[in-house]
Structures are given as C-alpha cells and as structure tokens.
Amino acid sequence: MRREKILVGFLTVLVIFLLLAWYDGGREPQRLIEQPVELPEGLQ
C-alpha cells in the first residue's frame, strides 16, 4: 500500500513537471543561433 502511494505521488509530480515544461517551452519565440565560427586553415 505504501509503495503504491509513493509511486502515485512520483508519477503525479512527474506529470505536473512535464506539463509545466511543455507549457513554458512554447511561450518563447524560437530564434536561430547565428555566430561566426572560426575554421582551421585547411577547411576554408
């Protein structure tokens, strides 16, 4: 009985965390990362 309550509590916290991460992740607009990168002499 106690193990089942711990498992239900853990799954509840996990679902809440995933829902918050999903909600929060969609609020920021996506943007490209644009930075110049220096390449070694042989690859240019």
Protein backbone atom coordinates (compact mmCIF):
# COMPACT_ATOMS: atom_id res chain seq x y z
CA MET A 1 0.00 0.00 0.00
CA ARG A 2 2.75 2.45 0.93
CA ARG A 3 4.74 1.63 -2.22
CA GLU A 4 1.69 2.36 -4.37
CA LYS A 5 1.19 5.76 -2.73
CA ILE A 6 4.84 6.66 -3.32
CA LEU A 7 4.58 5.58 -6.96
CA VAL A 8 1.35 7.55 -7.50
CA GLY A 9 2.92 10.62 -5.88
CA PHE A 10 6.05 10.33 -8.01
CA LEU A 11 4.04 9.92 -11.21
CA THR A 12 1.85 12.90 -10.28
CA VAL A 13 4.90 15.12 -9.74
CA LEU A 14 6.43 13.87 -13.00
CA VAL A 15 3.27 14.64 -14.99
CA ILE A 16 2.99 18.12 -13.45
CA PHE A 17 6.65 18.81 -14.25
CA LEU A 18 6.24 17.66 -17.86
CA LEU A 19 3.10 19.75 -18.33
CA LEU A 20 4.82 22.85 -16.95
CA ALA A 21 7.88 22.27 -19.16
CA TRP A 22 5.65 21.82 -22.21
CA TYR A 23 3.66 24.97 -21.42
CA ASP A 24 6.70 27.09 -20.62
CA GLY A 25 8.65 25.86 -23.65
CA GLY A 26 6.01 27.16 -26.03
CA ARG A 27 5.94 30.71 -24.73
CA GLU A 28 9.32 31.85 -26.05
CA PRO A 29 9.64 32.50 -29.80
CA GLN A 30 12.24 30.34 -31.49
CA ARG A 31 15.25 32.09 -32.94
CA LEU A 32 18.28 30.94 -34.85
CA ILE A 33 21.71 30.96 -33.25
CA GLU A 34 23.89 32.98 -35.59
CA GLN A 35 27.53 33.34 -34.64
CA PRO A 36 30.64 33.38 -36.78
CA VAL A 37 32.78 30.28 -36.29
CA GLU A 38 36.49 30.22 -36.98
CA LEU A 39 37.54 27.23 -39.08
CA PRO A 40 41.04 25.78 -39.26
CA GLU A 41 43.15 26.82 -42.29
CA GLY A 42 42.70 23.51 -44.13
CA LEU A 43 38.89 23.60 -44.07
CA GLN A 44 38.36 27.06 -45.54
